[in-house]
Amino acid sequence: MNKSEAPETTKARRRFLFSGLLAGVTALIKPNSAAAEQDDTLRQGGVVHDRLRKGNPTQQPLDSMVVFERGDTSNGRAMTHEVLSLIHEEKGKKSFPWTLYASLDTHHEQGDACVVCSRLHKHGPGWSSGLHSEVFTHSRAVALGVNIEMSCDYVGPEATNVIGLNIQAVGGPTVMQYGIQVHDGQGSFQTGIGLNGKGKTGLDIAGKFGTGINMNGNSIRLAEGATIEFGDQGQIKLRYHNGRIEFMNGDRCIGHLDVNGADHAL
């Protein structure tokens, strides 16, 4: 001790050094309070194992790293029963919030690849859905129930089918009603199906149906100059153009009706 220093000063320095040493040791053996609080928040509910089972559900032949199983016999108050719930809320203005992300990169040549598989066995009369999406729109711009984005950069000689949405009737003795149905609930759509792209064919009905298109009480509308084509090559046509209903053979008009002319029998 320096003889010029008072004993109180020496004691204060010792207390300061001791408190600093204690804080350093504490920091090594215990995380800071903010990190500890966050860690406790993340660990609520205990350790998550790679296999969790509640009840006695039917065993599935799965090769999964993590399996959650639940079997219920619920006859009490009607309520939902979830196996896994993800709750996500984003209030920021610049963000790409993705609640669930699944990615698959595969080079397989035998077998089937599937990023998300949904399988439903319906044994009762209750409303059931393999995939269910609900969208509540409270703001402007775009809202989609399901969005499918496709691309293809294959340039080889083999035949390749790239299909945005494929719906297949896979079996059963009973004929099902609709492959695609658009109907009103509490609201309605201004347009049932919109084809806003471009290509060779807008709607191709290659199957065998008793009626290709059943309009019921609805009309068919063509813009002026558009044609109704007959035959496999579409050589014979019918169109409305410049106040006339024209019968065409290729680009040549072979007869017409003046829509402003007098009424007369044909």
Protein backbone atom coordinates (compact mmCIF):
# COMPACT_ATOMS: atom_id res chain seq x y z
CA MET A 1 0.00 0.00 0.00
CA ASN A 2 1.21 3.47 -0.80
CA LYS A 3 1.75 5.26 2.51
CA SER A 4 0.13 8.42 1.14
CA GLU A 5 -3.25 6.63 0.62
CA ALA A 6 -5.88 6.49 3.33
CA PRO A 7 -7.12 3.06 4.55
CA GLU A 8 -10.65 3.88 3.31
CA THR A 9 -9.34 4.37 -0.25
CA THR A 10 -7.57 1.03 -0.14
CA LYS A 11 -10.73 -0.76 1.07
CA ALA A 12 -12.81 0.88 -1.65
CA ARG A 13 -10.37 -0.28 -4.34
CA ARG A 14 -10.45 -3.84 -2.96
CA ARG A 15 -14.23 -3.87 -2.95
CA PHE A 16 -14.24 -2.63 -6.58
CA LEU A 17 -11.73 -5.27 -7.71
CA PHE A 18 -13.63 -8.02 -5.89
CA SER A 19 -16.97 -6.99 -7.41
CA GLY A 20 -15.41 -6.91 -10.88
CA LEU A 21 -13.91 -10.37 -10.41
CA LEU A 22 -17.24 -11.70 -9.15
CA ALA A 23 -19.06 -10.23 -12.16
CA GLY A 24 -16.58 -11.84 -14.53
CA VAL A 25 -16.93 -15.28 -12.95
CA THR A 26 -20.71 -14.95 -12.99
CA ALA A 27 -20.65 -14.06 -16.68
CA LEU A 28 -18.68 -17.23 -17.42
CA ILE A 29 -21.00 -19.60 -15.62
CA LYS A 30 -24.32 -17.87 -16.30
CA PRO A 31 -25.60 -16.11 -19.46
CA ASN A 32 -26.73 -12.52 -19.31
CA SER A 33 -30.24 -11.87 -18.08
CA ALA A 34 -31.69 -11.08 -21.56
CA ALA A 35 -30.23 -14.26 -23.07
CA ALA A 36 -31.34 -16.30 -20.07
CA GLU A 37 -34.85 -14.94 -20.32
CA GLN A 38 -34.96 -15.75 -24.04
CA ASP A 39 -33.57 -19.24 -23.39
CA ASP A 40 -36.23 -19.89 -20.75
CA THR A 41 -38.90 -18.73 -23.18
CA LEU A 42 -37.67 -21.10 -25.87
CA ARG A 43 -37.42 -24.04 -23.47
CA GLN A 44 -40.89 -23.87 -21.95
CA GLY A 45 -42.53 -27.28 -22.10
CA GLY A 46 -39.36 -29.33 -21.66
CA VAL A 47 -37.09 -31.19 -24.04
CA VAL A 48 -38.39 -31.93 -27.54
CA HIS A 49 -37.59 -35.51 -28.54
CA ASP A 50 -37.32 -36.92 -32.04
CA ARG A 51 -40.46 -39.02 -31.41
CA LEU A 52 -43.50 -37.88 -29.43
CA ARG A 53 -46.58 -40.08 -29.10
CA LYS A 54 -49.96 -39.40 -27.48
CA GLY A 55 -52.75 -41.93 -27.66
CA ASN A 56 -52.58 -44.92 -29.98
CA PRO A 57 -52.69 -43.77 -33.61
CA THR A 58 -52.21 -46.19 -36.51
CA GLN A 59 -48.55 -46.87 -37.13
CA GLN A 60 -47.18 -45.39 -40.34
CA PRO A 61 -44.19 -46.85 -42.26
CA LEU A 62 -42.15 -43.65 -42.10
CA ASP A 63 -38.42 -43.02 -42.15
CA SER A 64 -38.64 -39.64 -40.40
CA MET A 65 -36.03 -37.92 -38.26
CA VAL A 66 -38.77 -36.37 -36.11
CA VAL A 67 -42.23 -37.96 -35.60
CA PHE A 68 -45.17 -36.48 -33.70
CA GLU A 69 -48.08 -38.92 -33.28
CA ARG A 70 -51.48 -38.38 -31.74
CA GLY A 71 -54.53 -40.61 -31.47
CA ASP A 72 -57.80 -39.26 -30.03
CA THR A 73 -61.29 -40.49 -29.22
CA SER A 74 -63.00 -37.16 -28.66
CA ASN A 75 -66.72 -37.11 -27.94
CA GLY A 76 -66.96 -34.10 -25.68
CA ARG A 77 -67.13 -30.44 -26.59
CA ALA A 78 -66.41 -29.89 -30.27
CA MET A 79 -62.96 -28.34 -30.64
CA THR A 80 -59.87 -28.64 -32.75
CA HIS A 81 -57.09 -31.10 -31.89
CA GLU A 82 -53.70 -30.22 -33.33
CA VAL A 83 -50.52 -32.27 -33.51
CA LEU A 84 -48.30 -29.28 -34.29
CA SER A 85 -49.21 -25.58 -34.30
CA LEU A 86 -47.08 -22.75 -35.68
CA ILE A 87 -48.04 -19.22 -34.62
CA HIS A 88 -46.34 -16.39 -36.49
CA GLU A 89 -47.10 -12.66 -36.38
CA GLU A 90 -45.16 -10.04 -38.35
CA LYS A 91 -45.89 -6.34 -37.83
CA GLY A 92 -42.91 -4.94 -39.69
CA LYS A 93 -43.30 -3.14 -43.01
CA LYS A 94 -40.28 -4.62 -44.81
CA SER A 95 -40.21 -8.37 -44.42
CA PHE A 96 -40.72 -11.72 -46.13
CA PRO A 97 -42.50 -13.70 -43.36
CA TRP A 98 -42.58 -17.42 -44.21
CA THR A 99 -44.18 -19.37 -41.38
CA LEU A 100 -43.25 -22.79 -42.76
CA TYR A 101 -40.47 -23.45 -45.28
CA ALA A 102 -39.76 -26.79 -46.93
CA SER A 103 -37.06 -27.37 -49.55
CA LEU A 104 -36.10 -30.49 -51.50
CA ASP A 105 -33.13 -30.89 -53.85
CA THR A 106 -33.26 -34.32 -55.50
CA HIS A 107 -31.44 -36.19 -58.27
CA HIS A 108 -33.38 -39.47 -57.99
CA GLU A 109 -34.29 -41.47 -61.10
CA GLN A 110 -36.59 -44.07 -59.52
CA GLY A 111 -39.32 -43.26 -57.03
CA ASP A 112 -41.46 -40.19 -56.46
CA ALA A 113 -40.34 -36.83 -55.07
CA CYS A 114 -42.74 -34.78 -52.96
CA VAL A 115 -41.94 -31.66 -50.94
CA VAL A 116 -45.19 -31.71 -48.95
CA CYS A 117 -47.46 -34.78 -48.77
CA SER A 118 -51.00 -34.58 -47.41
CA ARG A 119 -53.01 -37.79 -46.93
CA LEU A 120 -56.57 -37.99 -45.59
CA HIS A 121 -58.57 -41.15 -44.79
CA LYS A 122 -62.20 -40.11 -44.36
CA HIS A 123 -64.32 -42.65 -42.45
CA GLY A 124 -67.13 -40.42 -41.16
CA PRO A 125 -69.61 -38.02 -42.73
CA GLY A 126 -67.94 -34.87 -41.38
CA TRP A 127 -66.55 -32.19 -43.72
CA SER A 128 -62.92 -33.08 -44.49
CA SER A 129 -60.11 -31.57 -46.53
CA GLY A 130 -56.67 -32.82 -47.48
CA LEU A 131 -55.36 -29.25 -47.61
CA HIS A 132 -57.25 -26.24 -46.29
CA SER A 133 -56.35 -22.59 -46.80
CA GLU A 134 -58.19 -19.60 -45.36
CA VAL A 135 -57.32 -16.05 -46.42
CA PHE A 136 -58.82 -12.98 -44.72
CA THR A 137 -57.98 -9.88 -46.74
CA HIS A 138 -57.81 -6.64 -44.75
CA SER A 139 -55.67 -4.51 -47.05
CA ARG A 140 -55.02 -3.67 -50.70
CA ALA A 141 -53.01 -5.51 -53.37
CA VAL A 142 -52.75 -9.27 -53.93
CA ALA A 143 -54.07 -12.10 -51.73
CA LEU A 144 -53.90 -15.71 -52.92
CA GLY A 145 -55.25 -18.89 -51.39
CA VAL A 146 -52.64 -20.99 -53.19
CA ASN A 147 -49.80 -19.69 -55.37
CA ILE A 148 -47.97 -21.97 -57.84
CA GLU A 149 -44.91 -20.71 -59.70
CA MET A 150 -43.44 -22.96 -62.39
CA SER A 151 -40.31 -22.87 -64.51
CA CYS A 152 -38.50 -25.26 -66.86
CA ASP A 153 -34.99 -25.02 -68.32
CA TYR A 154 -34.77 -28.58 -69.67
CA VAL A 155 -33.79 -28.57 -73.37
CA GLY A 156 -33.27 -32.29 -74.00
CA PRO A 157 -35.05 -34.44 -76.60
CA GLU A 158 -37.21 -36.50 -74.20
CA ALA A 159 -40.86 -35.67 -73.76
CA THR A 160 -41.41 -33.57 -70.62
CA ASN A 161 -44.66 -32.56 -68.96
CA VAL A 162 -44.54 -29.53 -66.65
CA ILE A 163 -47.99 -29.04 -65.11
CA GLY A 164 -48.94 -26.32 -62.65
CA LEU A 165 -51.87 -28.19 -61.09
CA ASN A 166 -52.57 -31.89 -61.60
CA ILE A 167 -55.79 -33.48 -60.32
CA GLN A 168 -56.11 -37.22 -60.86
CA ALA A 169 -58.96 -39.61 -60.10
CA VAL A 170 -56.95 -42.58 -58.82
CA GLY A 171 -59.59 -45.22 -58.10
CA GLY A 172 -62.72 -46.40 -56.35
CA PRO A 173 -65.95 -47.82 -57.76
CA THR A 174 -67.86 -44.55 -57.30
CA VAL A 175 -67.65 -41.67 -59.77
CA MET A 176 -66.67 -38.41 -58.10
CA GLN A 177 -68.45 -35.17 -58.88
CA TYR A 178 -65.94 -32.42 -59.74
CA GLY A 179 -62.26 -32.20 -60.51
CA ILE A 180 -62.41 -28.45 -59.88
CA GLN A 181 -65.34 -26.62 -58.34
CA VAL A 182 -65.72 -22.86 -57.88
CA HIS A 183 -68.84 -21.88 -55.98
CA ASP A 184 -70.22 -19.16 -53.73
CA GLY A 185 -70.08 -19.25 -49.96
CA GLN A 186 -70.78 -16.05 -48.05
CA GLY A 187 -69.18 -14.19 -50.97
CA SER A 188 -68.71 -14.62 -54.69
CA PHE A 189 -66.11 -14.19 -57.43
CA GLN A 190 -66.35 -11.66 -60.23
CA THR A 191 -64.74 -14.24 -62.54
CA GLY A 192 -64.83 -17.96 -61.82
CA ILE A 193 -61.74 -18.95 -63.84
CA GLY A 194 -59.40 -16.46 -65.49
CA LEU A 195 -56.92 -17.44 -68.21
CA ASN A 196 -54.71 -14.35 -68.50
CA GLY A 197 -51.65 -15.81 -70.18
CA LYS A 198 -50.88 -16.74 -73.79
CA GLY A 199 -50.14 -19.97 -75.57
CA LYS A 200 -51.39 -22.43 -78.15
CA THR A 201 -54.67 -23.44 -76.48
CA GLY A 202 -56.59 -21.78 -73.66
CA LEU A 203 -58.78 -24.75 -72.72
CA ASP A 204 -58.16 -28.22 -74.11
CA ILE A 205 -60.82 -30.89 -73.58
CA ALA A 206 -59.05 -34.01 -74.78
CA GLY A 207 -61.13 -36.47 -72.75
CA LYS A 208 -64.34 -38.20 -73.75
CA PHE A 209 -67.42 -36.51 -72.33
CA GLY A 210 -71.09 -36.74 -73.20
CA THR A 211 -71.12 -32.93 -73.28
CA GLY A 212 -67.91 -30.98 -73.76
CA ILE A 213 -69.26 -27.74 -72.29
CA ASN A 214 -72.66 -27.45 -70.61
CA MET A 215 -73.56 -23.78 -70.35
CA ASN A 216 -76.94 -24.40 -68.70
CA GLY A 217 -78.58 -20.95 -68.76
CA ASN A 218 -75.36 -19.02 -69.47
CA SER A 219 -74.20 -17.38 -72.69
CA ILE A 220 -71.08 -17.76 -74.81
CA ARG A 221 -69.52 -14.46 -75.90
CA LEU A 222 -66.92 -13.83 -78.58
CA ALA A 223 -65.33 -10.48 -79.39
CA GLU A 224 -65.86 -9.13 -82.92
CA GLY A 225 -63.61 -10.92 -85.38
CA ALA A 226 -63.18 -14.03 -83.23
CA THR A 227 -64.32 -17.23 -84.93
CA ILE A 228 -65.99 -20.52 -84.17
CA GLU A 229 -64.03 -23.16 -86.05
CA PHE A 230 -65.25 -26.47 -87.43
CA GLY A 231 -63.24 -29.56 -88.36
CA ASP A 232 -59.88 -30.75 -87.06
CA GLN A 233 -58.00 -28.13 -89.07
CA GLY A 234 -60.37 -25.27 -88.28
CA GLN A 235 -60.72 -24.37 -91.95
CA ILE A 236 -64.46 -23.68 -91.85
CA LYS A 237 -65.30 -20.76 -89.56
CA LEU A 238 -68.15 -18.59 -88.37
CA ARG A 239 -67.60 -15.04 -87.14
CA TYR A 240 -69.22 -11.62 -86.60
CA HIS A 241 -67.41 -8.81 -88.41
CA ASN A 242 -68.41 -5.31 -89.53
CA GLY A 243 -72.14 -5.82 -88.98
CA ARG A 244 -72.17 -9.18 -90.74
CA ILE A 245 -72.28 -12.79 -89.65
CA GLU A 246 -69.80 -14.38 -92.03
CA PHE A 247 -69.21 -17.96 -93.08
CA MET A 248 -65.54 -18.47 -93.86
CA ASN A 249 -63.47 -21.04 -95.73
CA GLY A 250 -59.99 -20.23 -94.52
CA ASP A 251 -59.63 -16.46 -94.91
CA ARG A 252 -62.28 -16.27 -97.64
CA CYS A 253 -65.87 -15.29 -96.87
CA ILE A 254 -68.25 -17.62 -98.71
CA GLY A 255 -71.50 -16.12 -97.40
CA HIS A 256 -72.84 -13.63 -94.92
CA LEU A 257 -75.90 -12.30 -93.13
CA ASP A 258 -76.39 -8.57 -92.66
CA VAL A 259 -77.39 -8.08 -89.03
CA ASN A 260 -79.00 -4.72 -89.95
CA GLY A 261 -81.01 -6.21 -92.77
CA ALA A 262 -84.73 -6.99 -92.79
CA ASP A 263 -86.03 -10.02 -91.00
CA HIS A 264 -86.45 -12.93 -93.40
CA ALA A 265 -86.44 -16.69 -93.34
CA LEU A 266 -83.20 -18.46 -94.20
